[in-house]
N, C-alpha and C. Protein backbone atom coordinates (compact mmCIF):
# COMPACT_ATOMS: atom_id res chain seq x y z
N MET A 1 -17.65 -36.53 -40.37
CA MET A 1 -18.90 -37.02 -39.80
C MET A 1 -19.38 -38.26 -40.54
N ASN A 2 -19.05 -38.35 -41.82
CA ASN A 2 -19.52 -39.46 -42.64
C ASN A 2 -19.27 -40.83 -42.02
N PRO A 3 -17.99 -41.18 -41.67
CA PRO A 3 -17.78 -42.51 -41.13
C PRO A 3 -18.46 -42.74 -39.80
N ILE A 4 -18.73 -41.69 -39.05
CA ILE A 4 -19.36 -41.84 -37.75
C ILE A 4 -20.79 -42.33 -37.90
N PHE A 5 -21.59 -41.62 -38.65
CA PHE A 5 -22.99 -42.01 -38.81
C PHE A 5 -23.15 -43.27 -39.64
N LEU A 6 -22.23 -43.51 -40.57
CA LEU A 6 -22.38 -44.66 -41.45
C LEU A 6 -21.66 -45.90 -40.93
N ALA A 7 -20.67 -45.73 -40.05
CA ALA A 7 -19.86 -46.88 -39.63
C ALA A 7 -20.01 -47.26 -38.17
N SER A 8 -20.39 -46.32 -37.31
CA SER A 8 -20.44 -46.62 -35.88
C SER A 8 -21.80 -47.20 -35.48
N GLU A 9 -21.78 -48.46 -35.05
CA GLU A 9 -23.03 -49.12 -34.65
C GLU A 9 -23.63 -48.47 -33.41
N ASP A 10 -22.76 -48.02 -32.50
CA ASP A 10 -23.24 -47.39 -31.27
C ASP A 10 -24.01 -46.11 -31.59
N ILE A 11 -23.45 -45.29 -32.46
CA ILE A 11 -24.12 -44.04 -32.81
C ILE A 11 -25.39 -44.32 -33.60
N ARG A 12 -25.34 -45.30 -34.48
CA ARG A 12 -26.55 -45.66 -35.25
C ARG A 12 -27.67 -46.11 -34.31
N GLY A 13 -27.29 -46.83 -33.26
CA GLY A 13 -28.29 -47.30 -32.31
C GLY A 13 -28.80 -46.19 -31.40
N GLN A 14 -27.91 -45.29 -30.99
CA GLN A 14 -28.28 -44.21 -30.07
C GLN A 14 -29.00 -43.06 -30.77
N LEU A 15 -28.67 -42.83 -32.04
CA LEU A 15 -29.24 -41.70 -32.79
C LEU A 15 -29.88 -42.19 -34.09
N PRO A 16 -30.90 -43.03 -34.00
CA PRO A 16 -31.46 -43.62 -35.24
C PRO A 16 -32.07 -42.60 -36.19
N GLU A 17 -32.79 -41.62 -35.66
CA GLU A 17 -33.42 -40.61 -36.53
C GLU A 17 -32.37 -39.76 -37.22
N ASP A 18 -31.36 -39.36 -36.49
CA ASP A 18 -30.31 -38.53 -37.08
C ASP A 18 -29.47 -39.33 -38.07
N THR A 19 -29.31 -40.62 -37.80
CA THR A 19 -28.59 -41.48 -38.74
C THR A 19 -29.35 -41.54 -40.06
N LYS A 20 -30.66 -41.73 -39.99
CA LYS A 20 -31.48 -41.76 -41.21
C LYS A 20 -31.41 -40.42 -41.94
N ARG A 21 -31.47 -39.34 -41.17
CA ARG A 21 -31.40 -38.00 -41.76
C ARG A 21 -30.06 -37.83 -42.49
N PHE A 22 -28.98 -38.23 -41.84
CA PHE A 22 -27.67 -38.09 -42.45
C PHE A 22 -27.54 -38.97 -43.70
N GLU A 23 -28.03 -40.21 -43.61
CA GLU A 23 -27.95 -41.11 -44.77
C GLU A 23 -28.70 -40.53 -45.97
N LYS A 24 -29.86 -39.91 -45.71
CA LYS A 24 -30.63 -39.30 -46.80
C LYS A 24 -29.85 -38.15 -47.43
N VAL A 25 -29.26 -37.28 -46.60
CA VAL A 25 -28.46 -36.17 -47.13
C VAL A 25 -27.27 -36.72 -47.91
N ASP A 26 -26.63 -37.76 -47.40
CA ASP A 26 -25.48 -38.37 -48.05
C ASP A 26 -25.86 -38.89 -49.44
N ILE A 27 -26.97 -39.60 -49.53
CA ILE A 27 -27.43 -40.15 -50.81
C ILE A 27 -27.79 -39.01 -51.78
N ASP A 28 -28.55 -38.04 -51.28
CA ASP A 28 -28.97 -36.92 -52.14
C ASP A 28 -27.77 -36.10 -52.61
N TRP A 29 -26.78 -35.89 -51.74
CA TRP A 29 -25.60 -35.13 -52.11
C TRP A 29 -24.81 -35.86 -53.20
N LYS A 30 -24.65 -37.16 -53.05
CA LYS A 30 -23.93 -37.94 -54.06
C LYS A 30 -24.66 -37.90 -55.41
N GLU A 31 -25.98 -37.94 -55.35
CA GLU A 31 -26.77 -37.84 -56.58
C GLU A 31 -26.56 -36.47 -57.24
N LEU A 32 -26.55 -35.43 -56.43
CA LEU A 32 -26.32 -34.08 -56.92
C LEU A 32 -24.94 -33.97 -57.57
N MET A 33 -23.94 -34.59 -56.97
CA MET A 33 -22.59 -34.56 -57.52
C MET A 33 -22.49 -35.35 -58.82
N ARG A 34 -23.23 -36.46 -58.93
CA ARG A 34 -23.26 -37.21 -60.18
C ARG A 34 -23.84 -36.36 -61.30
N ASP A 35 -24.91 -35.63 -60.97
CA ASP A 35 -25.51 -34.72 -61.95
C ASP A 35 -24.52 -33.64 -62.38
N ALA A 36 -23.74 -33.13 -61.42
CA ALA A 36 -22.77 -32.09 -61.73
C ALA A 36 -21.66 -32.61 -62.65
N VAL A 37 -21.29 -33.88 -62.47
CA VAL A 37 -20.27 -34.48 -63.33
C VAL A 37 -20.82 -34.63 -64.75
N GLU A 38 -22.08 -35.05 -64.86
CA GLU A 38 -22.69 -35.25 -66.18
C GLU A 38 -22.95 -33.92 -66.89
N ASN A 39 -23.30 -32.89 -66.14
CA ASN A 39 -23.57 -31.56 -66.70
C ASN A 39 -22.67 -30.54 -65.99
N PRO A 40 -21.42 -30.43 -66.41
CA PRO A 40 -20.45 -29.62 -65.67
C PRO A 40 -20.61 -28.10 -65.81
N GLY A 41 -21.60 -27.64 -66.52
CA GLY A 41 -21.79 -26.20 -66.66
C GLY A 41 -22.16 -25.55 -65.34
N VAL A 42 -21.40 -24.54 -64.91
CA VAL A 42 -21.61 -23.88 -63.63
C VAL A 42 -22.97 -23.20 -63.58
N VAL A 43 -23.33 -22.50 -64.65
CA VAL A 43 -24.60 -21.76 -64.66
C VAL A 43 -25.78 -22.72 -64.54
N ASP A 44 -25.72 -23.83 -65.30
CA ASP A 44 -26.81 -24.81 -65.22
C ASP A 44 -26.90 -25.43 -63.82
N ALA A 45 -25.72 -25.75 -63.24
CA ALA A 45 -25.70 -26.38 -61.91
C ALA A 45 -26.25 -25.44 -60.85
N CYS A 46 -25.96 -24.15 -60.98
CA CYS A 46 -26.37 -23.20 -59.95
C CYS A 46 -27.79 -22.68 -60.12
N THR A 47 -28.34 -22.78 -61.33
CA THR A 47 -29.67 -22.20 -61.56
C THR A 47 -30.74 -23.26 -61.73
N ALA A 48 -30.43 -24.51 -61.49
CA ALA A 48 -31.44 -25.57 -61.62
C ALA A 48 -32.59 -25.31 -60.66
N ASP A 49 -33.80 -25.66 -61.09
CA ASP A 49 -34.98 -25.43 -60.25
C ASP A 49 -34.85 -26.15 -58.90
N GLY A 50 -35.07 -25.40 -57.84
CA GLY A 50 -35.07 -25.97 -56.49
C GLY A 50 -33.69 -26.22 -55.90
N ARG A 51 -32.62 -25.83 -56.64
CA ARG A 51 -31.27 -26.12 -56.17
C ARG A 51 -30.95 -25.41 -54.86
N GLU A 52 -31.28 -24.13 -54.76
CA GLU A 52 -30.98 -23.36 -53.54
C GLU A 52 -31.71 -23.95 -52.34
N GLU A 53 -32.99 -24.29 -52.53
CA GLU A 53 -33.77 -24.88 -51.43
C GLU A 53 -33.18 -26.23 -51.02
N GLN A 54 -32.74 -27.01 -52.03
CA GLN A 54 -32.15 -28.31 -51.74
C GLN A 54 -30.88 -28.16 -50.91
N LEU A 55 -30.00 -27.24 -51.31
CA LEU A 55 -28.75 -27.04 -50.58
C LEU A 55 -29.00 -26.49 -49.18
N ASN A 56 -29.97 -25.58 -49.04
CA ASN A 56 -30.33 -25.07 -47.72
C ASN A 56 -30.89 -26.19 -46.84
N GLY A 57 -31.65 -27.09 -47.45
CA GLY A 57 -32.17 -28.24 -46.72
C GLY A 57 -31.05 -29.15 -46.23
N PHE A 58 -30.04 -29.39 -47.10
CA PHE A 58 -28.88 -30.19 -46.70
C PHE A 58 -28.20 -29.56 -45.49
N ASN A 59 -27.98 -28.25 -45.59
CA ASN A 59 -27.30 -27.53 -44.52
C ASN A 59 -28.07 -27.63 -43.20
N SER A 60 -29.37 -27.44 -43.27
CA SER A 60 -30.22 -27.52 -42.08
C SER A 60 -30.19 -28.92 -41.46
N ASP A 61 -30.27 -29.94 -42.31
CA ASP A 61 -30.24 -31.33 -41.81
C ASP A 61 -28.89 -31.67 -41.18
N ILE A 62 -27.81 -31.19 -41.79
CA ILE A 62 -26.48 -31.46 -41.23
C ILE A 62 -26.31 -30.76 -39.89
N GLU A 63 -26.83 -29.54 -39.76
CA GLU A 63 -26.75 -28.83 -38.47
C GLU A 63 -27.52 -29.58 -37.40
N THR A 64 -28.69 -30.13 -37.76
CA THR A 64 -29.47 -30.92 -36.81
C THR A 64 -28.69 -32.16 -36.37
N CYS A 65 -28.04 -32.82 -37.32
CA CYS A 65 -27.22 -34.00 -37.00
C CYS A 65 -26.06 -33.63 -36.09
N GLU A 66 -25.43 -32.48 -36.35
CA GLU A 66 -24.29 -32.05 -35.53
C GLU A 66 -24.73 -31.75 -34.10
N LYS A 67 -25.89 -31.13 -33.93
CA LYS A 67 -26.40 -30.85 -32.58
C LYS A 67 -26.66 -32.16 -31.83
N ALA A 68 -27.28 -33.11 -32.51
CA ALA A 68 -27.55 -34.41 -31.88
C ALA A 68 -26.24 -35.12 -31.52
N LEU A 69 -25.26 -35.02 -32.41
CA LEU A 69 -23.97 -35.66 -32.18
C LEU A 69 -23.25 -35.03 -30.99
N ASN A 70 -23.30 -33.70 -30.89
CA ASN A 70 -22.68 -33.02 -29.75
C ASN A 70 -23.36 -33.41 -28.43
N ALA A 71 -24.68 -33.55 -28.44
CA ALA A 71 -25.40 -33.98 -27.23
C ALA A 71 -25.00 -35.41 -26.87
N TYR A 72 -24.84 -36.26 -27.88
CA TYR A 72 -24.41 -37.65 -27.68
C TYR A 72 -23.01 -37.69 -27.05
N LEU A 73 -22.10 -36.86 -27.57
CA LEU A 73 -20.74 -36.81 -27.03
C LEU A 73 -20.74 -36.33 -25.58
N GLU A 74 -21.60 -35.37 -25.29
CA GLU A 74 -21.70 -34.85 -23.92
C GLU A 74 -22.13 -35.95 -22.95
N GLU A 75 -23.05 -36.81 -23.38
CA GLU A 75 -23.49 -37.94 -22.54
C GLU A 75 -22.33 -38.90 -22.28
N LYS A 76 -21.54 -39.17 -23.31
CA LYS A 76 -20.38 -40.06 -23.15
C LYS A 76 -19.36 -39.46 -22.18
N LYS A 77 -19.18 -38.15 -22.26
CA LYS A 77 -18.24 -37.47 -21.37
C LYS A 77 -18.71 -37.51 -19.92
N LYS A 78 -20.01 -37.53 -19.71
CA LYS A 78 -20.54 -37.63 -18.34
C LYS A 78 -20.23 -38.99 -17.73
N VAL A 79 -20.25 -40.04 -18.56
CA VAL A 79 -19.94 -41.39 -18.07
C VAL A 79 -18.45 -41.52 -17.77
N PHE A 80 -17.62 -41.02 -18.68
CA PHE A 80 -16.16 -41.11 -18.51
C PHE A 80 -15.59 -39.70 -18.68
N PRO A 81 -15.51 -38.93 -17.60
CA PRO A 81 -15.11 -37.51 -17.69
C PRO A 81 -13.75 -37.26 -18.33
N ARG A 82 -12.87 -38.24 -18.36
CA ARG A 82 -11.57 -38.02 -18.99
C ARG A 82 -11.69 -37.81 -20.50
N PHE A 83 -12.87 -38.09 -21.07
CA PHE A 83 -13.10 -37.79 -22.49
C PHE A 83 -13.03 -36.28 -22.75
N TYR A 84 -13.19 -35.46 -21.70
CA TYR A 84 -13.07 -34.01 -21.89
C TYR A 84 -11.66 -33.61 -22.33
N PHE A 85 -10.67 -34.46 -22.08
CA PHE A 85 -9.30 -34.16 -22.50
C PHE A 85 -9.08 -34.38 -23.99
N LEU A 86 -10.04 -35.03 -24.66
CA LEU A 86 -9.91 -35.32 -26.08
C LEU A 86 -10.66 -34.29 -26.92
N SER A 87 -10.17 -34.05 -28.11
CA SER A 87 -10.92 -33.23 -29.06
C SER A 87 -12.15 -34.04 -29.51
N ASN A 88 -13.14 -33.36 -30.05
CA ASN A 88 -14.33 -34.08 -30.51
C ASN A 88 -13.97 -35.09 -31.59
N GLN A 89 -13.04 -34.74 -32.48
CA GLN A 89 -12.65 -35.67 -33.54
C GLN A 89 -11.98 -36.91 -32.96
N ALA A 90 -11.09 -36.72 -31.99
CA ALA A 90 -10.43 -37.86 -31.35
C ALA A 90 -11.44 -38.70 -30.59
N LEU A 91 -12.39 -38.04 -29.93
CA LEU A 91 -13.43 -38.78 -29.20
C LEU A 91 -14.30 -39.58 -30.15
N LEU A 92 -14.63 -39.01 -31.29
CA LEU A 92 -15.42 -39.74 -32.29
C LEU A 92 -14.64 -40.95 -32.79
N ASP A 93 -13.33 -40.81 -32.96
CA ASP A 93 -12.50 -41.95 -33.37
C ASP A 93 -12.54 -43.05 -32.31
N VAL A 94 -12.44 -42.66 -31.04
CA VAL A 94 -12.48 -43.63 -29.94
C VAL A 94 -13.83 -44.34 -29.92
N LEU A 95 -14.92 -43.57 -30.00
CA LEU A 95 -16.25 -44.17 -29.93
C LEU A 95 -16.56 -45.05 -31.13
N SER A 96 -16.10 -44.66 -32.30
CA SER A 96 -16.38 -45.47 -33.49
C SER A 96 -15.52 -46.73 -33.53
N ASN A 97 -14.45 -46.77 -32.72
CA ASN A 97 -13.58 -47.96 -32.66
C ASN A 97 -13.68 -48.65 -31.30
N GLY A 98 -14.78 -48.43 -30.60
CA GLY A 98 -14.94 -48.98 -29.26
C GLY A 98 -14.78 -50.49 -29.17
N ASN A 99 -15.11 -51.21 -30.24
CA ASN A 99 -14.98 -52.67 -30.24
C ASN A 99 -13.58 -53.13 -30.67
N ASN A 100 -12.69 -52.17 -30.87
CA ASN A 100 -11.33 -52.47 -31.27
C ASN A 100 -10.36 -51.81 -30.28
N PRO A 101 -10.17 -52.42 -29.09
CA PRO A 101 -9.34 -51.81 -28.04
C PRO A 101 -7.94 -51.38 -28.48
N PRO A 102 -7.22 -52.12 -29.34
CA PRO A 102 -5.91 -51.62 -29.77
C PRO A 102 -6.01 -50.27 -30.50
N LYS A 103 -7.11 -50.03 -31.21
CA LYS A 103 -7.30 -48.75 -31.89
C LYS A 103 -7.60 -47.65 -30.86
N VAL A 104 -8.41 -47.98 -29.86
CA VAL A 104 -8.70 -47.03 -28.77
C VAL A 104 -7.41 -46.73 -28.00
N ASN A 105 -6.54 -47.73 -27.91
CA ASN A 105 -5.27 -47.62 -27.19
C ASN A 105 -4.42 -46.45 -27.69
N GLU A 106 -4.60 -46.09 -28.96
CA GLU A 106 -3.82 -44.98 -29.54
C GLU A 106 -4.15 -43.64 -28.88
N GLU A 107 -5.36 -43.52 -28.32
CA GLU A 107 -5.79 -42.26 -27.69
C GLU A 107 -5.77 -42.30 -26.16
N ILE A 108 -5.51 -43.47 -25.58
CA ILE A 108 -5.58 -43.60 -24.12
C ILE A 108 -4.61 -42.64 -23.42
N GLY A 109 -3.44 -42.45 -23.99
CA GLY A 109 -2.44 -41.56 -23.39
C GLY A 109 -2.92 -40.13 -23.26
N ASN A 110 -3.89 -39.72 -24.08
CA ASN A 110 -4.44 -38.37 -23.99
C ASN A 110 -5.49 -38.26 -22.89
N CYS A 111 -5.96 -39.39 -22.39
CA CYS A 111 -6.97 -39.39 -21.32
C CYS A 111 -6.33 -39.45 -19.94
N PHE A 112 -5.14 -40.06 -19.85
CA PHE A 112 -4.48 -40.27 -18.56
C PHE A 112 -3.12 -39.57 -18.56
N ASP A 113 -2.82 -38.93 -17.45
CA ASP A 113 -1.60 -38.12 -17.36
C ASP A 113 -0.33 -38.96 -17.43
N GLY A 114 -0.27 -40.08 -16.73
CA GLY A 114 0.97 -40.85 -16.67
C GLY A 114 0.98 -42.10 -17.51
N LEU A 115 -0.09 -42.37 -18.24
CA LEU A 115 -0.20 -43.61 -19.02
C LEU A 115 -0.01 -43.33 -20.50
N LYS A 116 0.82 -44.15 -21.14
CA LYS A 116 0.99 -44.02 -22.60
C LYS A 116 0.02 -44.94 -23.33
N CYS A 117 0.03 -46.23 -22.95
CA CYS A 117 -0.83 -47.20 -23.62
C CYS A 117 -0.84 -48.50 -22.83
N LEU A 118 -1.70 -49.40 -23.25
CA LEU A 118 -1.79 -50.73 -22.65
C LEU A 118 -0.99 -51.72 -23.48
N LYS A 119 -0.62 -52.82 -22.84
CA LYS A 119 -0.04 -53.95 -23.56
C LYS A 119 -1.12 -55.02 -23.60
N PHE A 120 -1.38 -55.57 -24.79
CA PHE A 120 -2.42 -56.58 -24.95
C PHE A 120 -1.81 -57.96 -25.11
N LYS A 121 -2.54 -58.95 -24.64
CA LYS A 121 -2.16 -60.34 -24.87
C LYS A 121 -2.49 -60.65 -26.32
N GLU A 122 -1.48 -60.95 -27.10
CA GLU A 122 -1.67 -61.16 -28.53
C GLU A 122 -1.93 -62.62 -28.82
N GLU A 123 -3.08 -63.09 -28.36
CA GLU A 123 -3.52 -64.47 -28.59
C GLU A 123 -4.96 -64.43 -29.06
N GLY A 124 -5.33 -65.40 -29.86
CA GLY A 124 -6.71 -65.47 -30.34
C GLY A 124 -6.95 -64.50 -31.48
N PRO A 125 -8.23 -64.35 -31.82
CA PRO A 125 -8.56 -63.49 -32.97
C PRO A 125 -8.35 -62.01 -32.65
N GLU A 126 -8.01 -61.26 -33.69
CA GLU A 126 -7.91 -59.80 -33.55
C GLU A 126 -9.31 -59.22 -33.69
N PRO A 127 -9.62 -58.08 -33.13
CA PRO A 127 -8.73 -57.27 -32.31
C PRO A 127 -8.55 -57.87 -30.92
N TYR A 128 -7.36 -57.72 -30.38
CA TYR A 128 -7.07 -58.23 -29.04
C TYR A 128 -7.81 -57.40 -28.01
N LYS A 129 -8.35 -58.09 -26.99
CA LYS A 129 -9.16 -57.38 -26.00
C LYS A 129 -8.71 -57.61 -24.57
N VAL A 130 -7.61 -58.35 -24.38
CA VAL A 130 -7.14 -58.67 -23.03
C VAL A 130 -5.86 -57.89 -22.73
N GLY A 131 -5.98 -56.92 -21.82
CA GLY A 131 -4.82 -56.13 -21.41
C GLY A 131 -4.06 -56.85 -20.32
N ILE A 132 -2.72 -56.83 -20.43
CA ILE A 132 -1.90 -57.52 -19.43
C ILE A 132 -0.96 -56.56 -18.69
N GLY A 133 -0.94 -55.30 -19.11
CA GLY A 133 -0.07 -54.33 -18.44
C GLY A 133 -0.19 -52.96 -19.07
N MET A 134 0.58 -52.01 -18.52
CA MET A 134 0.52 -50.63 -19.01
C MET A 134 1.91 -50.03 -19.05
N TYR A 135 2.09 -49.10 -20.01
CA TYR A 135 3.36 -48.39 -20.18
C TYR A 135 3.21 -46.96 -19.69
N SER A 136 4.27 -46.44 -19.08
CA SER A 136 4.26 -45.06 -18.61
C SER A 136 4.30 -44.11 -19.79
N LYS A 137 4.00 -42.84 -19.53
CA LYS A 137 3.93 -41.83 -20.59
C LYS A 137 5.22 -41.75 -21.41
N ASP A 138 6.36 -41.85 -20.73
CA ASP A 138 7.63 -41.76 -21.46
C ASP A 138 8.03 -43.10 -22.07
N GLY A 139 7.26 -44.15 -21.80
CA GLY A 139 7.55 -45.47 -22.34
C GLY A 139 8.67 -46.20 -21.63
N GLY A 140 9.24 -45.56 -20.61
CA GLY A 140 10.38 -46.15 -19.90
C GLY A 140 10.01 -47.21 -18.88
N GLU A 141 8.78 -47.17 -18.40
CA GLU A 141 8.38 -48.14 -17.38
C GLU A 141 7.20 -48.97 -17.86
N TYR A 142 7.22 -50.24 -17.51
CA TYR A 142 6.12 -51.15 -17.81
C TYR A 142 5.63 -51.73 -16.50
N MET A 143 4.32 -51.68 -16.29
CA MET A 143 3.71 -52.22 -15.07
C MET A 143 2.73 -53.32 -15.46
N PRO A 144 3.04 -54.58 -15.14
CA PRO A 144 2.08 -55.64 -15.48
C PRO A 144 0.87 -55.59 -14.54
N PHE A 145 -0.28 -55.96 -15.06
CA PHE A 145 -1.46 -56.10 -14.21
C PHE A 145 -1.32 -57.41 -13.44
N PHE A 146 -1.84 -57.42 -12.22
CA PHE A 146 -1.76 -58.65 -11.43
C PHE A 146 -2.77 -59.68 -11.90
N THR A 147 -3.85 -59.21 -12.52
CA THR A 147 -4.81 -60.09 -13.20
C THR A 147 -5.13 -59.45 -14.54
N GLU A 148 -5.54 -60.24 -15.49
CA GLU A 148 -5.83 -59.72 -16.83
C GLU A 148 -6.99 -58.74 -16.80
N PHE A 149 -6.95 -57.78 -17.71
CA PHE A 149 -8.03 -56.81 -17.85
C PHE A 149 -8.68 -57.01 -19.22
N VAL A 150 -9.98 -57.33 -19.22
CA VAL A 150 -10.69 -57.61 -20.47
C VAL A 150 -11.54 -56.39 -20.85
N CYS A 151 -11.33 -55.91 -22.06
CA CYS A 151 -12.07 -54.75 -22.58
C CYS A 151 -13.36 -55.24 -23.23
N THR A 152 -14.46 -55.15 -22.50
CA THR A 152 -15.75 -55.58 -23.04
C THR A 152 -16.80 -54.51 -22.74
N GLY A 153 -17.83 -54.50 -23.56
CA GLY A 153 -18.92 -53.54 -23.37
C GLY A 153 -18.63 -52.23 -24.06
N ALA A 154 -19.37 -51.20 -23.67
CA ALA A 154 -19.19 -49.87 -24.25
C ALA A 154 -17.82 -49.33 -23.87
N VAL A 155 -17.20 -48.61 -24.78
CA VAL A 155 -15.84 -48.11 -24.55
C VAL A 155 -15.75 -47.23 -23.31
N GLU A 156 -16.75 -46.39 -23.08
CA GLU A 156 -16.70 -45.52 -21.90
C GLU A 156 -16.79 -46.33 -20.61
N SER A 157 -17.46 -47.47 -20.65
CA SER A 157 -17.57 -48.32 -19.46
C SER A 157 -16.25 -49.04 -19.18
N TYR A 158 -15.65 -49.63 -20.24
CA TYR A 158 -14.42 -50.35 -19.95
C TYR A 158 -13.26 -49.41 -19.65
N LEU A 159 -13.34 -48.16 -20.09
CA LEU A 159 -12.30 -47.21 -19.70
C LEU A 159 -12.45 -46.80 -18.23
N CYS A 160 -13.69 -46.74 -17.74
CA CYS A 160 -13.91 -46.52 -16.30
C CYS A 160 -13.32 -47.69 -15.51
N ASP A 161 -13.55 -48.91 -16.00
CA ASP A 161 -12.99 -50.10 -15.35
C ASP A 161 -11.47 -50.09 -15.40
N LEU A 162 -10.92 -49.59 -16.53
CA LEU A 162 -9.46 -49.50 -16.66
C LEU A 162 -8.90 -48.55 -15.61
N GLU A 163 -9.58 -47.44 -15.38
CA GLU A 163 -9.12 -46.49 -14.37
C GLU A 163 -9.04 -47.17 -13.00
N ASN A 164 -10.06 -47.94 -12.66
CA ASN A 164 -10.05 -48.67 -11.39
C ASN A 164 -8.96 -49.73 -11.37
N LYS A 165 -8.73 -50.37 -12.52
CA LYS A 165 -7.69 -51.40 -12.62
C LYS A 165 -6.31 -50.77 -12.38
N MET A 166 -6.09 -49.60 -12.95
CA MET A 166 -4.82 -48.90 -12.75
C MET A 166 -4.60 -48.58 -11.28
N ILE A 167 -5.64 -48.08 -10.63
CA ILE A 167 -5.54 -47.71 -9.22
C ILE A 167 -5.23 -48.93 -8.36
N SER A 168 -5.97 -50.02 -8.59
CA SER A 168 -5.76 -51.22 -7.77
C SER A 168 -4.38 -51.84 -8.03
N THR A 169 -3.92 -51.81 -9.27
CA THR A 169 -2.60 -52.35 -9.60
C THR A 169 -1.50 -51.57 -8.90
N LEU A 170 -1.58 -50.24 -8.98
CA LEU A 170 -0.56 -49.41 -8.35
C LEU A 170 -0.62 -49.51 -6.82
N LYS A 171 -1.81 -49.71 -6.28
CA LYS A 171 -1.95 -49.87 -4.83
C LYS A 171 -1.24 -51.15 -4.36
N ILE A 172 -1.48 -52.25 -5.09
CA ILE A 172 -0.83 -53.51 -4.74
C ILE A 172 0.69 -53.38 -4.85
N ASP A 173 1.14 -52.73 -5.94
CA ASP A 173 2.58 -52.57 -6.13
C ASP A 173 3.19 -51.73 -5.02
N LEU A 174 2.48 -50.69 -4.61
CA LEU A 174 2.96 -49.83 -3.52
C LEU A 174 3.03 -50.61 -2.20
N GLU A 175 2.01 -51.43 -1.94
CA GLU A 175 2.02 -52.26 -0.72
C GLU A 175 3.19 -53.24 -0.74
N ASN A 176 3.43 -53.85 -1.92
CA ASN A 176 4.57 -54.77 -2.04
C ASN A 176 5.89 -54.04 -1.81
N ALA A 177 5.99 -52.83 -2.35
CA ALA A 177 7.21 -52.03 -2.18
C ALA A 177 7.43 -51.70 -0.71
N LYS A 178 6.36 -51.35 -0.03
CA LYS A 178 6.47 -50.99 1.39
C LYS A 178 6.91 -52.19 2.23
N GLU A 179 6.31 -53.36 1.93
CA GLU A 179 6.69 -54.57 2.67
C GLU A 179 8.17 -54.90 2.45
N ALA A 180 8.65 -54.65 1.23
CA ALA A 180 10.05 -54.96 0.92
C ALA A 180 11.03 -54.04 1.64
N THR A 181 10.55 -52.88 2.11
CA THR A 181 11.46 -51.96 2.80
C THR A 181 11.95 -52.52 4.13
N GLU A 182 11.22 -53.48 4.66
CA GLU A 182 11.62 -54.07 5.95
C GLU A 182 12.94 -54.84 5.82
N ASP A 183 13.31 -55.23 4.58
CA ASP A 183 14.52 -56.01 4.36
C ASP A 183 15.65 -55.20 3.73
N TRP A 184 15.56 -53.86 3.81
CA TRP A 184 16.58 -53.02 3.18
C TRP A 184 17.99 -53.40 3.61
N GLU A 185 18.17 -53.55 4.88
CA GLU A 185 19.53 -53.76 5.38
C GLU A 185 20.03 -55.17 5.10
N MET A 186 19.11 -56.16 5.10
CA MET A 186 19.55 -57.56 4.99
C MET A 186 19.61 -58.07 3.55
N ILE A 187 18.60 -57.73 2.73
CA ILE A 187 18.52 -58.33 1.40
C ILE A 187 18.94 -57.36 0.29
N LYS A 188 18.26 -56.20 0.24
CA LYS A 188 18.55 -55.26 -0.84
C LYS A 188 18.75 -53.87 -0.28
N PRO A 189 19.86 -53.27 -0.60
CA PRO A 189 20.03 -51.87 -0.20
C PRO A 189 18.98 -51.00 -0.90
N ARG A 190 18.71 -49.86 -0.32
CA ARG A 190 17.64 -48.99 -0.80
C ARG A 190 17.82 -48.60 -2.27
N HIS A 191 19.02 -48.28 -2.70
CA HIS A 191 19.23 -47.83 -4.08
C HIS A 191 18.98 -48.95 -5.10
N ILE A 192 19.10 -50.21 -4.69
CA ILE A 192 18.78 -51.34 -5.57
C ILE A 192 17.27 -51.63 -5.50
N TRP A 193 16.71 -51.54 -4.30
CA TRP A 193 15.26 -51.74 -4.10
C TRP A 193 14.44 -50.82 -5.00
N LEU A 194 14.91 -49.58 -5.17
CA LEU A 194 14.19 -48.59 -5.98
C LEU A 194 13.90 -49.07 -7.39
N ASP A 195 14.83 -49.82 -7.96
CA ASP A 195 14.68 -50.28 -9.36
C ASP A 195 13.65 -51.40 -9.51
N ASP A 196 13.22 -52.00 -8.41
CA ASP A 196 12.27 -53.11 -8.49
C ASP A 196 10.82 -52.65 -8.62
N TYR A 197 10.55 -51.40 -8.42
CA TYR A 197 9.17 -50.91 -8.41
C TYR A 197 9.03 -49.68 -9.29
N CYS A 198 7.84 -49.51 -9.84
CA CYS A 198 7.64 -48.37 -10.76
C CYS A 198 7.66 -47.06 -9.98
N ALA A 199 8.07 -46.01 -10.68
CA ALA A 199 8.14 -44.69 -10.04
C ALA A 199 6.75 -44.09 -9.91
């Protein structure tokens, strides 16, 4: 949870009160651990005045943060329902790396049944944000996009756009394949035509 509340700008913006609560617990916990290093006696550490109340307070604050985080994840899943296929930890990784599409790309295959990952145009500054095609789950097929796909905005939004991009790309490819069937006998026999289009 630490990198999420401390590193994700989206979560910090969406859950400002819980972010502050978590930061306070984080600071207080580190202070408590510094004290434990300086005074390593177990009895002293466990019997210090107010220690039990302090630890119970940490626990209560962390539970509050977890509830808020789960509600936040549920909202993201409503926008892009394929997030339900990811574990909460994987989803947190995706959301915390939303501005880094190649990092999000590592989890895309878990959201889509036949897609392994995107291919990015490796030009300009990193992280690359322009998708130019997609690889099948087994990695055996590559389908170029007919127009570039730019990953901008919130990750759940551009993944919704990616879903539409995949549909439109495959529709165009299917239409092209169907048109090419008219020339089976004259230009390409059917068994050769098959290799020109994705399965």
